[in-house]
PDB file of N, CA and C in Angstrom:
ATOM      1  N   UNK A   1       7.771 -15.126  30.304  1.00  0.00           N
ATOM      2  CA  UNK A   1       9.029 -15.000  29.595  1.00  0.00           C
ATOM      3  C   UNK A   1       8.762 -14.296  28.265  1.00  0.00           C
ATOM      4  N   UNK A   2       9.505 -13.264  27.962  1.00  0.00           N
ATOM      5  CA  UNK A   2       9.379 -12.552  26.689  1.00  0.00           C
ATOM      6  C   UNK A   2      10.252 -13.253  25.645  1.00  0.00           C
ATOM      7  N   UNK A   3       9.631 -13.617  24.548  1.00  0.00           N
ATOM      8  CA  UNK A   3      10.356 -14.265  23.454  1.00  0.00           C
ATOM      9  C   UNK A   3      10.812 -13.221  22.451  1.00  0.00           C
ATOM     10  N   UNK A   4      11.828 -13.549  21.693  1.00  0.00           N
ATOM     11  CA  UNK A   4      12.402 -12.609  20.737  1.00  0.00           C
ATOM     12  C   UNK A   4      12.131 -13.045  19.310  1.00  0.00           C
ATOM     13  N   UNK A   5      12.115 -12.061  18.421  1.00  0.00           N
ATOM     14  CA  UNK A   5      11.985 -12.267  16.967  1.00  0.00           C
ATOM     15  C   UNK A   5      10.698 -12.970  16.565  1.00  0.00           C
ATOM     16  N   UNK A   6       9.644 -12.786  17.313  1.00  0.00           N
ATOM     17  CA  UNK A   6       8.363 -13.409  16.955  1.00  0.00           C
ATOM     18  C   UNK A   6       7.769 -12.813  15.684  1.00  0.00           C
ATOM     19  N   UNK A   7       8.054 -11.558  15.426  1.00  0.00           N
ATOM     20  CA  UNK A   7       7.503 -10.902  14.246  1.00  0.00           C
ATOM     21  C   UNK A   7       7.948 -11.602  12.954  1.00  0.00           C
ATOM     22  N   UNK A   8       9.078 -12.279  12.977  1.00  0.00           N
ATOM     23  CA  UNK A   8       9.563 -12.992  11.795  1.00  0.00           C
ATOM     24  C   UNK A   8       8.593 -14.074  11.336  1.00  0.00           C
ATOM     25  N   UNK A   9       7.688 -14.498  12.213  1.00  0.00           N
ATOM     26  CA  UNK A   9       6.782 -15.583  11.890  1.00  0.00           C
ATOM     27  C   UNK A   9       5.363 -15.110  11.587  1.00  0.00           C
ATOM     28  N   UNK A  10       5.147 -13.809  11.657  1.00  0.00           N
ATOM     29  CA  UNK A  10       3.844 -13.259  11.327  1.00  0.00           C
ATOM     30  C   UNK A  10       3.780 -12.996   9.830  1.00  0.00           C
ATOM     31  N   UNK A  11       2.696 -13.379   9.218  1.00  0.00           N
ATOM     32  CA  UNK A  11       2.497 -13.150   7.779  1.00  0.00           C
ATOM     33  C   UNK A  11       1.316 -12.208   7.589  1.00  0.00           C
ATOM     34  N   UNK A  12       1.491 -11.181   6.782  1.00  0.00           N
ATOM     35  CA  UNK A  12       0.420 -10.254   6.468  1.00  0.00           C
ATOM     36  C   UNK A  12      -0.157 -10.649   5.119  1.00  0.00           C
ATOM     37  N   UNK A  13      -1.460 -10.863   5.056  1.00  0.00           N
ATOM     38  CA  UNK A  13      -2.148 -11.252   3.823  1.00  0.00           C
ATOM     39  C   UNK A  13      -2.577  -9.990   3.071  1.00  0.00           C
ATOM     40  N   UNK A  14      -1.664  -9.432   2.282  1.00  0.00           N
ATOM     41  CA  UNK A  14      -1.919  -8.177   1.570  1.00  0.00           C
ATOM     42  C   UNK A  14      -3.046  -8.321   0.559  1.00  0.00           C
ATOM     43  N   UNK A  15      -3.132  -9.454  -0.118  1.00  0.00           N
ATOM     44  CA  UNK A  15      -4.182  -9.652  -1.124  1.00  0.00           C
ATOM     45  C   UNK A  15      -5.557  -9.555  -0.465  1.00  0.00           C
ATOM     46  N   UNK A  16      -5.751 -10.223   0.662  1.00  0.00           N
ATOM     47  CA  UNK A  16      -7.032 -10.149   1.368  1.00  0.00           C
ATOM     48  C   UNK A  16      -7.285  -8.754   1.924  1.00  0.00           C
ATOM     49  N   UNK A  17      -6.237  -8.085   2.403  1.00  0.00           N
ATOM     50  CA  UNK A  17      -6.394  -6.741   2.947  1.00  0.00           C
ATOM     51  C   UNK A  17      -6.895  -5.773   1.878  1.00  0.00           C
ATOM     52  N   UNK A  18      -6.334  -5.840   0.665  1.00  0.00           N
ATOM     53  CA  UNK A  18      -6.713  -4.902  -0.382  1.00  0.00           C
ATOM     54  C   UNK A  18      -7.998  -5.283  -1.109  1.00  0.00           C
ATOM     55  N   UNK A  19      -8.457  -6.523  -0.933  1.00  0.00           N
ATOM     56  CA  UNK A  19      -9.709  -6.942  -1.567  1.00  0.00           C
ATOM     57  C   UNK A  19     -10.849  -6.116  -0.968  1.00  0.00           C
ATOM     58  N   UNK A  20     -11.676  -5.550  -1.812  1.00  0.00           N
ATOM     59  CA  UNK A  20     -12.785  -4.736  -1.332  1.00  0.00           C
ATOM     60  C   UNK A  20     -12.429  -3.289  -1.076  1.00  0.00           C
ATOM     61  N   UNK A  21     -11.211  -2.887  -1.435  1.00  0.00           N
ATOM     62  CA  UNK A  21     -10.799  -1.503  -1.235  1.00  0.00           C
ATOM     63  C   UNK A  21     -10.527  -0.834  -2.580  1.00  0.00           C
ATOM     64  N   UNK A  22     -10.876   0.441  -2.671  1.00  0.00           N
ATOM     65  CA  UNK A  22     -10.496   1.260  -3.821  1.00  0.00           C
ATOM     66  C   UNK A  22      -9.383   2.190  -3.362  1.00  0.00           C
ATOM     67  N   UNK A  23      -8.283   2.182  -4.101  1.00  0.00           N
ATOM     68  CA  UNK A  23      -7.129   3.027  -3.783  1.00  0.00           C
ATOM     69  C   UNK A  23      -7.060   4.171  -4.778  1.00  0.00           C
ATOM     70  N   UNK A  24      -7.041   5.383  -4.281  1.00  0.00           N
ATOM     71  CA  UNK A  24      -6.960   6.567  -5.122  1.00  0.00           C
ATOM     72  C   UNK A  24      -5.548   7.129  -5.037  1.00  0.00           C
ATOM     73  N   UNK A  25      -4.854   7.188  -6.187  1.00  0.00           N
ATOM     74  CA  UNK A  25      -3.497   7.720  -6.241  1.00  0.00           C
ATOM     75  C   UNK A  25      -3.530   9.229  -6.083  1.00  0.00           C
ATOM     76  N   UNK A  26      -2.769   9.732  -5.115  1.00  0.00           N
ATOM     77  CA  UNK A  26      -2.734  11.166  -4.847  1.00  0.00           C
ATOM     78  C   UNK A  26      -1.422  11.811  -5.272  1.00  0.00           C
ATOM     79  N   UNK A  27      -0.311  11.106  -5.043  1.00  0.00           N
ATOM     80  CA  UNK A  27       0.996  11.718  -5.309  1.00  0.00           C
ATOM     81  C   UNK A  27       2.041  10.617  -5.419  1.00  0.00           C
ATOM     82  N   UNK A  28       3.099  10.911  -6.144  1.00  0.00           N
ATOM     83  CA  UNK A  28       4.236   9.997  -6.231  1.00  0.00           C
ATOM     84  C   UNK A  28       5.512  10.792  -6.002  1.00  0.00           C
ATOM     85  N   UNK A  29       6.438  10.163  -5.287  1.00  0.00           N
ATOM     86  CA  UNK A  29       7.722  10.792  -4.994  1.00  0.00           C
ATOM     87  C   UNK A  29       8.813   9.745  -5.139  1.00  0.00           C
ATOM     88  N   UNK A  30      10.043  10.173  -5.338  1.00  0.00           N
ATOM     89  CA  UNK A  30      11.138   9.201  -5.377  1.00  0.00           C
ATOM     90  C   UNK A  30      11.272   8.502  -4.022  1.00  0.00           C
ATOM     91  N   UNK A  31      11.562   7.228  -4.073  1.00  0.00           N
ATOM     92  CA  UNK A  31      11.836   6.441  -2.864  1.00  0.00           C
ATOM     93  C   UNK A  31      13.342   6.263  -2.802  1.00  0.00           C
ATOM     94  N   UNK A  32      13.949   6.789  -1.740  1.00  0.00           N
ATOM     95  CA  UNK A  32      15.408   6.747  -1.612  1.00  0.00           C
ATOM     96  C   UNK A  32      15.822   5.822  -0.474  1.00  0.00           C
ATOM     97  N   UNK A  33      16.900   5.104  -0.710  1.00  0.00           N
ATOM     98  CA  UNK A  33      17.486   4.248   0.314  1.00  0.00           C
ATOM     99  C   UNK A  33      17.972   5.115   1.463  1.00  0.00           C
ATOM    100  N   UNK A  34      17.617   4.734   2.678  1.00  0.00           N
ATOM    101  CA  UNK A  34      17.943   5.534   3.848  1.00  0.00           C
ATOM    102  C   UNK A  34      19.462   5.699   4.022  1.00  0.00           C
ATOM    103  N   UNK A  35      20.213   4.615   3.838  1.00  0.00           N
ATOM    104  CA  UNK A  35      21.662   4.655   4.086  1.00  0.00           C
ATOM    105  C   UNK A  35      22.443   5.338   2.970  1.00  0.00           C
ATOM    106  N   UNK A  36      22.162   4.974   1.721  1.00  0.00           N
ATOM    107  CA  UNK A  36      22.959   5.494   0.609  1.00  0.00           C
ATOM    108  C   UNK A  36      22.402   6.776   0.001  1.00  0.00           C
ATOM    109  N   UNK A  37      21.121   7.031   0.182  1.00  0.00           N
ATOM    110  CA  UNK A  37      20.493   8.196  -0.436  1.00  0.00           C
ATOM    111  C   UNK A  37      20.165   8.003  -1.898  1.00  0.00           C
ATOM    112  N   UNK A  38      20.472   6.811  -2.443  1.00  0.00           N
ATOM    113  CA  UNK A  38      20.195   6.532  -3.855  1.00  0.00           C
ATOM    114  C   UNK A  38      18.714   6.233  -4.059  1.00  0.00           C
ATOM    115  N   UNK A  39      18.208   6.679  -5.203  1.00  0.00           N
ATOM    116  CA  UNK A  39      16.816   6.407  -5.560  1.00  0.00           C
ATOM    117  C   UNK A  39      16.675   4.921  -5.918  1.00  0.00           C
ATOM    118  N   UNK A  40      15.761   4.235  -5.240  1.00  0.00           N
ATOM    119  CA  UNK A  40      15.569   2.798  -5.469  1.00  0.00           C
ATOM    120  C   UNK A  40      14.196   2.478  -6.053  1.00  0.00           C
ATOM    121  N   UNK A  41      13.337   3.485  -6.160  1.00  0.00           N
ATOM    122  CA  UNK A  41      12.002   3.261  -6.702  1.00  0.00           C
ATOM    123  C   UNK A  41      11.132   4.474  -6.483  1.00  0.00           C
ATOM    124  N   UNK A  42       9.816   4.227  -6.501  1.00  0.00           N
ATOM    125  CA  UNK A  42       8.845   5.301  -6.304  1.00  0.00           C
ATOM    126  C   UNK A  42       7.996   4.993  -5.076  1.00  0.00           C
ATOM    127  N   UNK A  43       7.575   6.063  -4.410  1.00  0.00           N
ATOM    128  CA  UNK A  43       6.670   5.925  -3.283  1.00  0.00           C
ATOM    129  C   UNK A  43       5.352   6.591  -3.678  1.00  0.00           C
ATOM    130  N   UNK A  44       4.267   5.811  -3.654  1.00  0.00           N
ATOM    131  CA  UNK A  44       2.950   6.320  -3.999  1.00  0.00           C
ATOM    132  C   UNK A  44       2.184   6.654  -2.731  1.00  0.00           C
ATOM    133  N   UNK A  45       1.591   7.828  -2.693  1.00  0.00           N
ATOM    134  CA  UNK A  45       0.684   8.204  -1.601  1.00  0.00           C
ATOM    135  C   UNK A  45      -0.724   7.931  -2.123  1.00  0.00           C
ATOM    136  N   UNK A  46      -1.456   7.047  -1.429  1.00  0.00           N
ATOM    137  CA  UNK A  46      -2.818   6.716  -1.833  1.00  0.00           C
ATOM    138  C   UNK A  46      -3.763   6.936  -0.659  1.00  0.00           C
ATOM    139  N   UNK A  47      -5.033   7.112  -1.002  1.00  0.00           N
ATOM    140  CA  UNK A  47      -6.111   7.165  -0.012  1.00  0.00           C
ATOM    141  C   UNK A  47      -6.991   5.950  -0.242  1.00  0.00           C
ATOM    142  N   UNK A  48      -7.357   5.292   0.841  1.00  0.00           N
ATOM    143  CA  UNK A  48      -8.340   4.217   0.727  1.00  0.00           C
ATOM    144  C   UNK A  48      -9.691   4.904   0.557  1.00  0.00           C
ATOM    145  N   UNK A  49     -10.156   4.959  -0.693  1.00  0.00           N
ATOM    146  CA  UNK A  49     -11.356   5.701  -1.058  1.00  0.00           C
ATOM    147  C   UNK A  49     -12.613   5.008  -0.522  1.00  0.00           C
ATOM    148  N   UNK A  50     -12.658   3.692  -0.666  1.00  0.00           N
ATOM    149  CA  UNK A  50     -13.767   2.925  -0.106  1.00  0.00           C
ATOM    150  C   UNK A  50     -13.215   1.623   0.458  1.00  0.00           C
ATOM    151  N   UNK A  51     -13.870   1.129   1.491  1.00  0.00           N
ATOM    152  CA  UNK A  51     -13.413  -0.084   2.168  1.00  0.00           C
ATOM    153  C   UNK A  51     -14.611  -0.987   2.445  1.00  0.00           C
ATOM    154  N   UNK A  52     -14.790  -1.993   1.596  1.00  0.00           N
ATOM    155  CA  UNK A  52     -15.870  -2.958   1.752  1.00  0.00           C
ATOM    156  C   UNK A  52     -15.367  -4.271   2.351  1.00  0.00           C
ATOM    157  N   UNK A  53     -14.186  -4.242   2.936  1.00  0.00           N
ATOM    158  CA  UNK A  53     -13.611  -5.432   3.554  1.00  0.00           C
ATOM    159  C   UNK A  53     -14.451  -5.828   4.766  1.00  0.00           C
ATOM    160  N   UNK A  54     -14.666  -7.126   4.931  1.00  0.00           N
ATOM    161  CA  UNK A  54     -15.401  -7.651   6.081  1.00  0.00           C
ATOM    162  C   UNK A  54     -14.396  -7.962   7.195  1.00  0.00           C
ATOM    163  N   UNK A  55     -14.388  -7.134   8.224  1.00  0.00           N
ATOM    164  CA  UNK A  55     -13.506  -7.320   9.362  1.00  0.00           C
ATOM    165  C   UNK A  55     -14.237  -8.129  10.439  1.00  0.00           C
ATOM    166  N   UNK A  56     -13.483  -8.791  11.301  1.00  0.00           N
ATOM    167  CA  UNK A  56     -14.109  -9.592  12.354  1.00  0.00           C
ATOM    168  C   UNK A  56     -14.798  -8.716  13.392  1.00  0.00           C
ATOM    169  N   UNK A  57     -14.280  -7.509  13.614  1.00  0.00           N
ATOM    170  CA  UNK A  57     -14.883  -6.587  14.572  1.00  0.00           C
ATOM    171  C   UNK A  57     -15.870  -5.677  13.840  1.00  0.00           C
ATOM    172  N   UNK A  58     -17.065  -5.576  14.353  1.00  0.00           N
ATOM    173  CA  UNK A  58     -18.129  -4.756  13.763  1.00  0.00           C
ATOM    174  C   UNK A  58     -17.751  -3.274  13.759  1.00  0.00           C
ATOM    175  N   UNK A  59     -18.073  -2.579  12.667  1.00  0.00           N
ATOM    176  CA  UNK A  59     -17.872  -1.146  12.585  1.00  0.00           C
ATOM    177  C   UNK A  59     -16.467  -0.695  12.228  1.00  0.00           C
ATOM    178  N   UNK A  60     -15.570  -1.619  11.867  1.00  0.00           N
ATOM    179  CA  UNK A  60     -14.199  -1.263  11.511  1.00  0.00           C
ATOM    180  C   UNK A  60     -14.136  -0.905  10.029  1.00  0.00           C
ATOM    181  N   UNK A  61     -13.459   0.178   9.721  1.00  0.00           N
ATOM    182  CA  UNK A  61     -13.233   0.580   8.334  1.00  0.00           C
ATOM    183  C   UNK A  61     -11.947   1.404   8.267  1.00  0.00           C
ATOM    184  N   UNK A  62     -11.227   1.251   7.166  1.00  0.00           N
ATOM    185  CA  UNK A  62     -10.040   2.063   6.927  1.00  0.00           C
ATOM    186  C   UNK A  62     -10.300   3.119   5.852  1.00  0.00           C
ATOM    187  N   UNK A  63     -11.557   3.326   5.512  1.00  0.00           N
ATOM    188  CA  UNK A  63     -11.929   4.308   4.509  1.00  0.00           C
ATOM    189  C   UNK A  63     -11.408   5.693   4.901  1.00  0.00           C
ATOM    190  N   UNK A  64     -10.776   6.362   3.954  1.00  0.00           N
ATOM    191  CA  UNK A  64     -10.227   7.691   4.181  1.00  0.00           C
ATOM    192  C   UNK A  64      -8.801   7.695   4.693  1.00  0.00           C
ATOM    193  N   UNK A  65      -8.265   6.532   5.020  1.00  0.00           N
ATOM    194  CA  UNK A  65      -6.890   6.462   5.520  1.00  0.00           C
ATOM    195  C   UNK A  65      -5.890   6.636   4.382  1.00  0.00           C
ATOM    196  N   UNK A  66      -4.787   7.302   4.684  1.00  0.00           N
ATOM    197  CA  UNK A  66      -3.699   7.458   3.717  1.00  0.00           C
ATOM    198  C   UNK A  66      -2.641   6.402   3.974  1.00  0.00           C
ATOM    199  N   UNK A  67      -1.972   5.994   2.917  1.00  0.00           N
ATOM    200  CA  UNK A  67      -0.861   5.061   3.069  1.00  0.00           C
ATOM    201  C   UNK A  67       0.132   5.270   1.941  1.00  0.00           C
ATOM    202  N   UNK A  68       1.379   4.890   2.221  1.00  0.00           N
ATOM    203  CA  UNK A  68       2.443   4.934   1.224  1.00  0.00           C
ATOM    204  C   UNK A  68       2.685   3.522   0.716  1.00  0.00           C
ATOM    205  N   UNK A  69       2.898   3.408  -0.588  1.00  0.00           N
ATOM    206  CA  UNK A  69       3.211   2.127  -1.208  1.00  0.00           C
ATOM    207  C   UNK A  69       4.514   2.295  -1.967  1.00  0.00           C
ATOM    208  N   UNK A  70       5.482   1.448  -1.654  1.00  0.00           N
ATOM    209  CA  UNK A  70       6.798   1.521  -2.287  1.00  0.00           C
ATOM    210  C   UNK A  70       6.863   0.527  -3.439  1.00  0.00           C
ATOM    211  N   UNK A  71       7.361   1.034  -4.585  1.00  0.00           N
ATOM    212  CA  UNK A  71       7.490   0.190  -5.771  1.00  0.00           C
ATOM    213  C   UNK A  71       8.943   0.248  -6.242  1.00  0.00           C
ATOM    214  N   UNK A  72       9.696  -0.830  -5.980  1.00  0.00           N
ATOM    215  CA  UNK A  72      11.105  -0.856  -6.384  1.00  0.00           C
ATOM    216  C   UNK A  72      11.255  -0.764  -7.902  1.00  0.00           C
ATOM    217  N   UNK A  73      12.259  -0.002  -8.339  1.00  0.00           N
ATOM    218  CA  UNK A  73      12.594   0.078  -9.753  1.00  0.00           C
ATOM    219  C   UNK A  73      11.754   1.046 -10.574  1.00  0.00           C
ATOM    220  N   UNK A  74      10.665   1.553 -10.038  1.00  0.00           N
ATOM    221  CA  UNK A  74       9.824   2.510 -10.758  1.00  0.00           C
ATOM    222  C   UNK A  74      10.319   3.919 -10.457  1.00  0.00           C
ATOM    223  N   UNK A  75      10.431   4.724 -11.507  1.00  0.00           N
ATOM    224  CA  UNK A  75      10.837   6.120 -11.314  1.00  0.00           C
ATOM    225  C   UNK A  75       9.579   6.977 -11.184  1.00  0.00           C
ATOM    226  N   UNK A  76       9.522   7.784 -10.142  1.00  0.00           N
ATOM    227  CA  UNK A  76       8.342   8.614  -9.893  1.00  0.00           C
ATOM    228  C   UNK A  76       8.039   9.522 -11.079  1.00  0.00           C
ATOM    229  N   UNK A  77       9.073  10.036 -11.726  1.00  0.00           N
ATOM    230  CA  UNK A  77       8.839  10.952 -12.854  1.00  0.00           C
ATOM    231  C   UNK A  77       8.303  10.240 -14.101  1.00  0.00           C
ATOM    232  N   UNK A  78       8.330   8.910 -14.118  1.00  0.00           N
ATOM    233  CA  UNK A  78       7.776   8.164 -15.246  1.00  0.00           C
ATOM    234  C   UNK A  78       6.262   7.970 -15.143  1.00  0.00           C
ATOM    235  N   UNK A  79       5.688   8.316 -14.006  1.00  0.00           N
ATOM    236  CA  UNK A  79       4.246   8.186 -13.818  1.00  0.00           C
ATOM    237  C   UNK A  79       3.579   9.425 -14.400  1.00  0.00           C
ATOM    238  N   UNK A  80       2.571   9.224 -15.242  1.00  0.00           N
ATOM    239  CA  UNK A  80       1.854  10.324 -15.890  1.00  0.00           C
ATOM    240  C   UNK A  80       1.065  11.115 -14.846  1.00  0.00           C
ATOM    241  N   UNK A  81       1.515  12.312 -14.544  1.00  0.00           N
ATOM    242  CA  UNK A  81       0.871  13.144 -13.523  1.00  0.00           C
ATOM    243  C   UNK A  81      -0.540  13.567 -13.919  1.00  0.00           C
ATOM    244  N   UNK A  82      -0.876  13.505 -15.198  1.00  0.00           N
ATOM    245  CA  UNK A  82      -2.208  13.886 -15.660  1.00  0.00           C
ATOM    246  C   UNK A  82      -3.196  12.728 -15.581  1.00  0.00           C
ATOM    247  N   UNK A  83      -2.714  11.555 -15.235  1.00  0.00           N
ATOM    248  CA  UNK A  83      -3.554  10.365 -15.207  1.00  0.00           C
ATOM    249  C   UNK A  83      -3.846   9.962 -13.765  1.00  0.00           C
ATOM    250  N   UNK A  84      -4.484  10.847 -13.025  1.00  0.00           N
ATOM    251  CA  UNK A  84      -4.846  10.546 -11.645  1.00  0.00           C
ATOM    252  C   UNK A  84      -6.071   9.643 -11.642  1.00  0.00           C
ATOM    253  N   UNK A  85      -6.134   8.753 -10.679  1.00  0.00           N
ATOM    254  CA  UNK A  85      -7.311   7.908 -10.566  1.00  0.00           C
ATOM    255  C   UNK A  85      -7.077   6.742  -9.634  1.00  0.00           C
ATOM    256  N   UNK A  86      -7.958   5.768  -9.772  1.00  0.00           N
ATOM    257  CA  UNK A  86      -7.900   4.586  -8.928  1.00  0.00           C
ATOM    258  C   UNK A  86      -6.883   3.602  -9.490  1.00  0.00           C
ATOM    259  N   UNK A  87      -6.214   2.894  -8.581  1.00  0.00           N
ATOM    260  CA  UNK A  87      -5.174   1.970  -9.004  1.00  0.00           C
ATOM    261  C   UNK A  87      -5.392   0.590  -8.382  1.00  0.00           C
ATOM    262  N   UNK A  88      -4.811  -0.403  -9.023  1.00  0.00           N
ATOM    263  CA  UNK A  88      -4.747  -1.768  -8.503  1.00  0.00           C
ATOM    264  C   UNK A  88      -3.273  -2.127  -8.415  1.00  0.00           C
ATOM    265  N   UNK A  89      -2.853  -2.686  -7.281  1.00  0.00           N
ATOM    266  CA  UNK A  89      -1.461  -3.049  -7.064  1.00  0.00           C
ATOM    267  C   UNK A  89      -1.160  -4.429  -7.628  1.00  0.00           C
ATOM    268  N   UNK A  90       0.057  -4.610  -8.120  1.00  0.00           N
ATOM    269  CA  UNK A  90       0.528  -5.908  -8.594  1.00  0.00           C
ATOM    270  C   UNK A  90       1.378  -6.557  -7.512  1.00  0.00           C
ATOM    271  N   UNK A  91       0.986  -7.722  -7.072  1.00  0.00           N
ATOM    272  CA  UNK A  91       1.730  -8.511  -6.081  1.00  0.00           C
ATOM    273  C   UNK A  91       2.112  -7.713  -4.837  1.00  0.00           C
ATOM    274  N   UNK A  92       1.116  -7.149  -4.137  1.00  0.00           N
ATOM    275  CA  UNK A  92       1.456  -6.403  -2.920  1.00  0.00           C
ATOM    276  C   UNK A  92       1.907  -7.331  -1.799  1.00  0.00           C
ATOM    277  N   UNK A  93       2.832  -6.833  -1.000  1.00  0.00           N
ATOM    278  CA  UNK A  93       3.265  -7.525   0.216  1.00  0.00           C
ATOM    279  C   UNK A  93       3.317  -6.483   1.325  1.00  0.00           C
ATOM    280  N   UNK A  94       3.204  -6.931   2.549  1.00  0.00           N
ATOM    281  CA  UNK A  94       3.204  -5.979   3.636  1.00  0.00           C
ATOM    282  C   UNK A  94       3.760  -6.549   4.917  1.00  0.00           C
ATOM    283  N   UNK A  95       4.175  -5.622   5.783  1.00  0.00           N
ATOM    284  CA  UNK A  95       4.684  -5.965   7.100  1.00  0.00           C
ATOM    285  C   UNK A  95       3.984  -5.056   8.105  1.00  0.00           C
ATOM    286  N   UNK A  96       3.392  -5.663   9.126  1.00  0.00           N
ATOM    287  CA  UNK A  96       2.778  -4.915  10.219  1.00  0.00           C
ATOM    288  C   UNK A  96       3.867  -4.646  11.260  1.00  0.00           C
ATOM    289  N   UNK A  97       3.906  -3.423  11.774  1.00  0.00           N
ATOM    290  CA  UNK A  97       4.919  -3.072  12.760  1.00  0.00           C
ATOM    291  C   UNK A  97       4.367  -2.035  13.725  1.00  0.00           C
ATOM    292  N   UNK A  98       5.182  -1.592  14.614  1.00  0.00           N
ATOM    293  CA  UNK A  98       4.810  -0.555  15.571  1.00  0.00           C
ATOM    294  C   UNK A  98       4.481  -1.126  16.934  1.00  0.00           C
ATOM    295  N   UNK A  99       4.534  -0.281  17.922  1.00  0.00           N
ATOM    296  CA  UNK A  99       4.302  -0.693  19.303  1.00  0.00           C
ATOM    297  C   UNK A  99       2.933  -1.354  19.484  1.00  0.00           C
ATOM    298  N   UNK A 100       1.925  -0.846  18.779  1.00  0.00           N
ATOM    299  CA  UNK A 100       0.578  -1.402  18.882  1.00  0.00           C
ATOM    300  C   UNK A 100       0.207  -2.241  17.664  1.00  0.00           C
ATOM    301  N   UNK A 101       1.210  -2.559  16.842  1.00  0.00           N
ATOM    302  CA  UNK A 101       0.988  -3.354  15.626  1.00  0.00           C
ATOM    303  C   UNK A 101      -0.107  -2.727  14.758  1.00  0.00           C
ATOM    304  N   UNK A 102      -0.075  -1.404  14.617  1.00  0.00           N
ATOM    305  CA  UNK A 102      -1.079  -0.701  13.827  1.00  0.00           C
ATOM    306  C   UNK A 102      -0.466   0.111  12.688  1.00  0.00           C
ATOM    307  N   UNK A 103       0.784  -0.155  12.378  1.00  0.00           N
ATOM    308  CA  UNK A 103       1.468   0.480  11.254  1.00  0.00           C
ATOM    309  C   UNK A 103       1.678  -0.578  10.172  1.00  0.00           C
ATOM    310  N   UNK A 104       1.695  -0.134   8.922  1.00  0.00           N
ATOM    311  CA  UNK A 104       1.800  -1.064   7.804  1.00  0.00           C
ATOM    312  C   UNK A 104       2.784  -0.530   6.771  1.00  0.00           C
ATOM    313  N   UNK A 105       3.739  -1.360   6.390  1.00  0.00           N
ATOM    314  CA  UNK A 105       4.680  -1.041   5.322  1.00  0.00           C
ATOM    315  C   UNK A 105       4.315  -1.912   4.127  1.00  0.00           C
ATOM    316  N   UNK A 106       4.022  -1.278   2.989  1.00  0.00           N
ATOM    317  CA  UNK A 106       3.568  -1.999   1.799  1.00  0.00           C
ATOM    318  C   UNK A 106       4.548  -1.797   0.657  1.00  0.00           C
ATOM    319  N   UNK A 107       4.857  -2.884  -0.037  1.00  0.00           N
ATOM    320  CA  UNK A 107       5.613  -2.840  -1.289  1.00  0.00           C
ATOM    321  C   UNK A 107       4.786  -3.572  -2.342  1.00  0.00           C
ATOM    322  N   UNK A 108       4.993  -3.212  -3.601  1.00  0.00           N
ATOM    323  CA  UNK A 108       4.307  -3.874  -4.705  1.00  0.00           C
ATOM    324  C   UNK A 108       5.243  -3.924  -5.899  1.00  0.00           C
ATOM    325  N   UNK A 109       4.984  -4.864  -6.804  1.00  0.00           N
ATOM    326  CA  UNK A 109       5.788  -4.966  -8.025  1.00  0.00           C
ATOM    327  C   UNK A 109       5.457  -3.860  -9.007  1.00  0.00           C
ATOM    328  N   UNK A 110       4.266  -3.300  -8.905  1.00  0.00           N
ATOM    329  CA  UNK A 110       3.823  -2.251  -9.815  1.00  0.00           C
ATOM    330  C   UNK A 110       2.362  -1.934  -9.543  1.00  0.00           C
ATOM    331  N   UNK A 111       1.757  -1.178 -10.467  1.00  0.00           N
ATOM    332  CA  UNK A 111       0.340  -0.852 -10.338  1.00  0.00           C
ATOM    333  C   UNK A 111      -0.222  -0.559 -11.720  1.00  0.00           C
ATOM    334  N   UNK A 112      -1.553  -0.548 -11.803  1.00  0.00           N
ATOM    335  CA  UNK A 112      -2.229  -0.152 -13.044  1.00  0.00           C
ATOM    336  C   UNK A 112      -3.433   0.691 -12.669  1.00  0.00           C
ATOM    337  N   UNK A 113      -3.803   1.590 -13.571  1.00  0.00           N
ATOM    338  CA  UNK A 113      -4.992   2.416 -13.350  1.00  0.00           C
ATOM    339  C   UNK A 113      -6.221   1.587 -13.694  1.00  0.00           C
ATOM    340  N   UNK A 114      -7.298   1.787 -12.927  1.00  0.00           N
ATOM    341  CA  UNK A 114      -8.546   1.054 -13.135  1.00  0.00           C
ATOM    342  C   UNK A 114      -9.705   2.047 -13.104  1.00  0.00           C
ATOM    343  N   UNK A 115     -10.836   1.616 -13.660  1.00  0.00           N
ATOM    344  CA  UNK A 115     -12.041   2.435 -13.588  1.00  0.00           C
ATOM    345  C   UNK A 115     -12.533   2.470 -12.154  1.00  0.00           C
ATOM    346  N   UNK A 116     -13.266   3.525 -11.821  1.00  0.00           N
ATOM    347  CA  UNK A 116     -13.751   3.711 -10.464  1.00  0.00           C
ATOM    348  C   UNK A 116     -14.673   2.583 -10.018  1.00  0.00           C
ATOM    349  N   UNK A 117     -15.644   2.210 -10.814  1.00  0.00           N
ATOM    350  CA  UNK A 117     -16.618   1.211 -10.428  1.00  0.00           C
ATOM    351  C   UNK A 117     -16.038  -0.177 -10.474  1.00  0.00           C
ATOM    352  N   UNK A 118     -16.046  -0.884  -9.378  1.00  0.00           N
ATOM    353  CA  UNK A 118     -15.659  -2.274  -9.321  1.00  0.00           C
ATOM    354  C   UNK A 118     -14.170  -2.542  -9.494  1.00  0.00           C
ATOM    355  N   UNK A 119     -13.355  -1.528  -9.611  1.00  0.00           N
ATOM    356  CA  UNK A 119     -11.925  -1.735  -9.730  1.00  0.00           C
ATOM    357  C   UNK A 119     -11.501  -2.378 -11.029  1.00  0.00           C
ATOM    358  N   UNK A 120     -12.328  -2.283 -12.066  1.00  0.00           N
ATOM    359  CA  UNK A 120     -11.990  -2.893 -13.363  1.00  0.00           C
ATOM    360  C   UNK A 120     -11.241  -1.912 -14.235  1.00  0.00           C
ATOM    361  N   UNK A 121     -10.528  -2.456 -15.207  1.00  0.00           N
ATOM    362  CA  UNK A 121      -9.801  -1.612 -16.177  1.00  0.00           C
ATOM    363  C   UNK A 121     -10.770  -0.851 -17.041  1.00  0.00           C
TER     364      UNK A 121
END
């Protein structure tokens, strides 16, 4: 028997997922609501520069993968384009989706730039 709405009970641990990863900010664009077309925040394009996360399956890494991070209320043009570098997300949350459950939608309250080594300010 196929059950419905099971995804509502799955929780993605964004804090654990991002632990051990360095995120490199590549680009920012306005994030617009699909229905209204109004700007609701900024969308950051990042690359997972390094991935030291310990996965249960041997040899798994997301290093080099690109992802979009949506930040409600942030205006893309307010981000200093000359200040490219590594970032740390504030209160990230995520939802896994897709036919093979291999897609990820991430939102965060904000971000800050950090030094390359160890993810420190």
